[in-house]
Amino acid sequence: MNSCSCAACRSACSRDPGRLVPADVKRIAAYLGLGAKEFLLRHLVRIPARGRDRHIRFLAPAKLRAGRFLAAPGSVAPPYYSEEAGRCVFLSGEGACLVHPVKPFECAAYMGCRNTFLGKPYKEKDVEAFFISRWRKFQDLVR
């Protein structure tokens, strides 16, 4: 997977951080020296899928605005959360990703400068279906 770090691709970090896939949880937690549960409670929110699959939840970095969390880490984000702009909890004050070597899957798969996800044109419906398919069997991690 080719990822990019140009300004267009990094801009998502200050608006809507990328979602994780289940394999990201242990990998990023280990990088931060945390257990999976502590990682979730300190840095992630549970985001419901959209549409008819609202019972499926994903994990994503918590968002901050004006130094405050838009939804508390560890909580289920409210329905409007995905539409609210906020800075990724892993984005430093200088604009550097604190987990760049192990960044969340969506961060690595998205190229804002080309508006692509996994090398294909970014289509919200297709990206949502991708994450639903990855998280469907791992709901025990997000309950």
C-alpha atoms as a PDB file:
ATOM      1  CA  MET A   1       0.000   0.000   0.000  1.00  0.00           C
ATOM      2  CA  ASN A   2       1.474   3.352  -1.011  1.00  0.00           C
ATOM      3  CA  SER A   3       0.749   6.118   1.459  1.00  0.00           C
ATOM      4  CA  CYS A   4       1.467   9.777   1.072  1.00  0.00           C
ATOM      5  CA  SER A   5       2.431  12.508   3.501  1.00  0.00           C
ATOM      6  CA  CYS A   6       1.825  15.617   1.387  1.00  0.00           C
ATOM      7  CA  ALA A   7      -0.249  18.487   2.799  1.00  0.00           C
ATOM      8  CA  ALA A   8      -3.439  17.281   1.067  1.00  0.00           C
ATOM      9  CA  CYS A   9      -3.101  13.823   2.608  1.00  0.00           C
ATOM     10  CA  ARG A  10      -2.137  15.152   6.053  1.00  0.00           C
ATOM     11  CA  SER A  11      -5.092  17.547   6.088  1.00  0.00           C
ATOM     12  CA  ALA A  12      -7.410  14.689   7.106  1.00  0.00           C
ATOM     13  CA  CYS A  13      -5.403  14.448  10.357  1.00  0.00           C
ATOM     14  CA  SER A  14      -6.766  17.820  11.424  1.00  0.00           C
ATOM     15  CA  ARG A  15     -10.344  17.156  10.256  1.00  0.00           C
ATOM     16  CA  ASP A  16     -11.299  13.470  10.404  1.00  0.00           C
ATOM     17  CA  PRO A  17      -8.702  10.883  11.471  1.00  0.00           C
ATOM     18  CA  GLY A  18      -8.647   7.508   9.744  1.00  0.00           C
ATOM     19  CA  ARG A  19     -10.336   4.418  11.111  1.00  0.00           C
ATOM     20  CA  LEU A  20      -8.528   1.330  12.305  1.00  0.00           C
ATOM     21  CA  VAL A  21      -8.914  -2.255  11.166  1.00  0.00           C
ATOM     22  CA  PRO A  22      -8.844  -4.908  13.911  1.00  0.00           C
ATOM     23  CA  ALA A  23      -5.154  -5.751  13.328  1.00  0.00           C
ATOM     24  CA  ASP A  24      -4.223  -2.115  14.051  1.00  0.00           C
ATOM     25  CA  VAL A  25      -5.347  -2.327  17.679  1.00  0.00           C
ATOM     26  CA  LYS A  26      -2.591  -4.563  19.067  1.00  0.00           C
ATOM     27  CA  ARG A  27       0.045  -3.148  16.709  1.00  0.00           C
ATOM     28  CA  ILE A  28      -0.501   0.517  17.642  1.00  0.00           C
ATOM     29  CA  ALA A  29      -1.079  -0.322  21.330  1.00  0.00           C
ATOM     30  CA  ALA A  30       2.252  -2.175  21.433  1.00  0.00           C
ATOM     31  CA  TYR A  31       3.994   0.761  19.741  1.00  0.00           C
ATOM     32  CA  LEU A  32       2.642   3.032  22.489  1.00  0.00           C
ATOM     33  CA  GLY A  33       3.520   0.516  25.221  1.00  0.00           C
ATOM     34  CA  LEU A  34      -0.131  -0.066  26.131  1.00  0.00           C
ATOM     35  CA  GLY A  35      -2.470  -3.016  26.359  1.00  0.00           C
ATOM     36  CA  ALA A  36      -5.334  -3.114  23.853  1.00  0.00           C
ATOM     37  CA  LYS A  37      -7.981  -2.115  26.428  1.00  0.00           C
ATOM     38  CA  GLU A  38      -5.916   0.780  27.812  1.00  0.00           C
ATOM     39  CA  PHE A  39      -5.228   1.941  24.234  1.00  0.00           C
ATOM     40  CA  LEU A  40      -8.958   2.014  23.522  1.00  0.00           C
ATOM     41  CA  LEU A  41      -9.799   3.862  26.738  1.00  0.00           C
ATOM     42  CA  ARG A  42      -7.079   6.499  26.274  1.00  0.00           C
ATOM     43  CA  HIS A  43      -7.047   7.155  22.539  1.00  0.00           C
ATOM     44  CA  LEU A  44      -9.968   5.672  20.586  1.00  0.00           C
ATOM     45  CA  VAL A  45     -13.695   6.130  20.092  1.00  0.00           C
ATOM     46  CA  ARG A  46     -16.264   3.635  18.885  1.00  0.00           C
ATOM     47  CA  ILE A  47     -17.942   4.839  15.689  1.00  0.00           C
ATOM     48  CA  PRO A  48     -21.208   3.272  14.486  1.00  0.00           C
ATOM     49  CA  ALA A  49     -21.405   2.346  10.812  1.00  0.00           C
ATOM     50  CA  ARG A  50     -23.877   4.296   8.736  1.00  0.00           C
ATOM     51  CA  GLY A  51     -27.133   3.146   7.217  1.00  0.00           C
ATOM     52  CA  ARG A  52     -28.640  -0.255   7.917  1.00  0.00           C
ATOM     53  CA  ASP A  53     -25.418  -1.531   9.534  1.00  0.00           C
ATOM     54  CA  ARG A  54     -25.486   0.895  12.486  1.00  0.00           C
ATOM     55  CA  HIS A  55     -25.100  -2.079  14.856  1.00  0.00           C
ATOM     56  CA  ILE A  56     -21.526  -2.514  13.534  1.00  0.00           C
ATOM     57  CA  ARG A  57     -18.930  -0.304  15.235  1.00  0.00           C
ATOM     58  CA  PHE A  58     -15.430   0.679  14.176  1.00  0.00           C
ATOM     59  CA  LEU A  59     -12.550   2.101  16.194  1.00  0.00           C
ATOM     60  CA  ALA A  60     -10.939   5.407  15.299  1.00  0.00           C
ATOM     61  CA  PRO A  61      -8.619   7.908  16.977  1.00  0.00           C
ATOM     62  CA  ALA A  62     -10.475  10.376  19.182  1.00  0.00           C
ATOM     63  CA  LYS A  63     -10.865  13.897  17.798  1.00  0.00           C
ATOM     64  CA  LEU A  64      -9.984  17.101  19.608  1.00  0.00           C
ATOM     65  CA  ARG A  65     -11.204  20.625  18.981  1.00  0.00           C
ATOM     66  CA  ALA A  66      -9.882  23.558  20.990  1.00  0.00           C
ATOM     67  CA  GLY A  67      -8.087  21.095  23.276  1.00  0.00           C
ATOM     68  CA  ARG A  68     -11.264  19.174  24.166  1.00  0.00           C
ATOM     69  CA  PHE A  69     -12.422  15.751  22.999  1.00  0.00           C
ATOM     70  CA  LEU A  70     -15.485  15.750  20.729  1.00  0.00           C
ATOM     71  CA  ALA A  71     -16.328  12.356  22.264  1.00  0.00           C
ATOM     72  CA  ALA A  72     -14.520  10.899  25.254  1.00  0.00           C
ATOM     73  CA  PRO A  73     -11.972   8.179  24.454  1.00  0.00           C
ATOM     74  CA  GLY A  74     -13.493   4.770  25.058  1.00  0.00           C
ATOM     75  CA  SER A  75     -17.026   6.009  24.408  1.00  0.00           C
ATOM     76  CA  VAL A  76     -19.434   5.377  21.551  1.00  0.00           C
ATOM     77  CA  ALA A  77     -19.360   8.512  19.427  1.00  0.00           C
ATOM     78  CA  PRO A  78     -22.698  10.267  18.828  1.00  0.00           C
ATOM     79  CA  PRO A  79     -24.273   9.966  15.349  1.00  0.00           C
ATOM     80  CA  TYR A  80     -23.058  13.419  14.254  1.00  0.00           C
ATOM     81  CA  TYR A  81     -19.432  12.717  15.266  1.00  0.00           C
ATOM     82  CA  SER A  82     -18.232  11.693  11.792  1.00  0.00           C
ATOM     83  CA  GLU A  83     -19.445  15.017  10.382  1.00  0.00           C
ATOM     84  CA  GLU A  84     -17.630  17.109  13.005  1.00  0.00           C
ATOM     85  CA  ALA A  85     -14.111  18.298  12.219  1.00  0.00           C
ATOM     86  CA  GLY A  86     -11.484  17.599  14.827  1.00  0.00           C
ATOM     87  CA  ARG A  87      -7.754  17.035  15.176  1.00  0.00           C
ATOM     88  CA  CYS A  88      -6.534  13.450  15.572  1.00  0.00           C
ATOM     89  CA  VAL A  89      -5.439  12.576  19.107  1.00  0.00           C
ATOM     90  CA  PHE A  90      -2.141  11.349  17.571  1.00  0.00           C
ATOM     91  CA  LEU A  91      -1.355  14.638  15.790  1.00  0.00           C
ATOM     92  CA  SER A  92       1.272  16.648  17.648  1.00  0.00           C
ATOM     93  CA  GLY A  93       1.081  20.410  18.059  1.00  0.00           C
ATOM     94  CA  GLU A  94       3.720  20.676  15.333  1.00  0.00           C
ATOM     95  CA  GLY A  95       1.567  18.645  12.927  1.00  0.00           C
ATOM     96  CA  ALA A  96       3.524  15.381  13.131  1.00  0.00           C
ATOM     97  CA  CYS A  97       1.855  11.990  13.476  1.00  0.00           C
ATOM     98  CA  LEU A  98       2.925  10.445  16.770  1.00  0.00           C
ATOM     99  CA  VAL A  99       2.175   6.927  15.485  1.00  0.00           C
ATOM    100  CA  HIS A 100       3.302   7.373  11.886  1.00  0.00           C
ATOM    101  CA  PRO A 101       5.319   4.103  11.683  1.00  0.00           C
ATOM    102  CA  VAL A 102       2.176   2.153  12.706  1.00  0.00           C
ATOM    103  CA  LYS A 103      -0.556   4.575  11.640  1.00  0.00           C
ATOM    104  CA  PRO A 104      -4.182   3.429  11.350  1.00  0.00           C
ATOM    105  CA  PHE A 105      -5.126   1.509   8.214  1.00  0.00           C
ATOM    106  CA  GLU A 106      -7.312   4.236   6.715  1.00  0.00           C
ATOM    107  CA  CYS A 107      -4.533   6.804   7.166  1.00  0.00           C
ATOM    108  CA  ALA A 108      -2.183   4.605   5.140  1.00  0.00           C
ATOM    109  CA  ALA A 109      -4.800   3.645   2.529  1.00  0.00           C
ATOM    110  CA  TYR A 110      -6.117   7.165   1.827  1.00  0.00           C
ATOM    111  CA  MET A 111      -4.400   9.555  -0.556  1.00  0.00           C
ATOM    112  CA  GLY A 112      -6.122  12.939  -0.327  1.00  0.00           C
ATOM    113  CA  CYS A 113      -4.069  14.463  -3.108  1.00  0.00           C
ATOM    114  CA  ARG A 114      -5.505  11.826  -5.456  1.00  0.00           C
ATOM    115  CA  ASN A 115      -8.782  11.259  -3.585  1.00  0.00           C
ATOM    116  CA  THR A 116      -8.149   7.522  -3.525  1.00  0.00           C
ATOM    117  CA  PHE A 117      -8.519   4.669  -1.041  1.00  0.00           C
ATOM    118  CA  LEU A 118      -6.386   1.584  -1.695  1.00  0.00           C
ATOM    119  CA  GLY A 119      -5.540   3.033  -5.105  1.00  0.00           C
ATOM    120  CA  LYS A 120      -9.176   3.331  -6.249  1.00  0.00           C
ATOM    121  CA  PRO A 121     -11.335   6.469  -6.422  1.00  0.00           C
ATOM    122  CA  TYR A 122     -12.602   7.298  -2.935  1.00  0.00           C
ATOM    123  CA  LYS A 123     -16.295   6.479  -2.731  1.00  0.00           C
ATOM    124  CA  GLU A 124     -17.752   6.814   0.750  1.00  0.00           C
ATOM    125  CA  LYS A 125     -20.170   3.903   0.247  1.00  0.00           C
ATOM    126  CA  ASP A 126     -17.350   1.554  -0.824  1.00  0.00           C
ATOM    127  CA  VAL A 127     -15.032   2.631   2.003  1.00  0.00           C
ATOM    128  CA  GLU A 128     -17.832   2.165   4.549  1.00  0.00           C
ATOM    129  CA  ALA A 129     -18.503  -1.330   3.170  1.00  0.00           C
ATOM    130  CA  PHE A 130     -14.785  -2.115   3.419  1.00  0.00           C
ATOM    131  CA  PHE A 131     -14.697  -1.252   7.141  1.00  0.00           C
ATOM    132  CA  ILE A 132     -17.966  -3.064   7.850  1.00  0.00           C
ATOM    133  CA  SER A 133     -16.505  -6.215   6.290  1.00  0.00           C
ATOM    134  CA  ARG A 134     -13.360  -5.910   8.430  1.00  0.00           C
ATOM    135  CA  TRP A 135     -15.139  -5.213  11.738  1.00  0.00           C
ATOM    136  CA  ARG A 136     -18.197  -7.495  11.443  1.00  0.00           C
ATOM    137  CA  LYS A 137     -16.397 -10.454  13.095  1.00  0.00           C
ATOM    138  CA  PHE A 138     -14.600  -8.328  15.719  1.00  0.00           C
ATOM    139  CA  GLN A 139     -17.433  -6.593  17.510  1.00  0.00           C
ATOM    140  CA  ASP A 140     -16.199  -8.027  20.820  1.00  0.00           C
ATOM    141  CA  LEU A 141     -13.296  -5.519  20.551  1.00  0.00           C
ATOM    142  CA  VAL A 142     -15.656  -2.537  20.322  1.00  0.00           C
ATOM    143  CA  ARG A 143     -18.475  -3.416  22.727  1.00  0.00           C
END
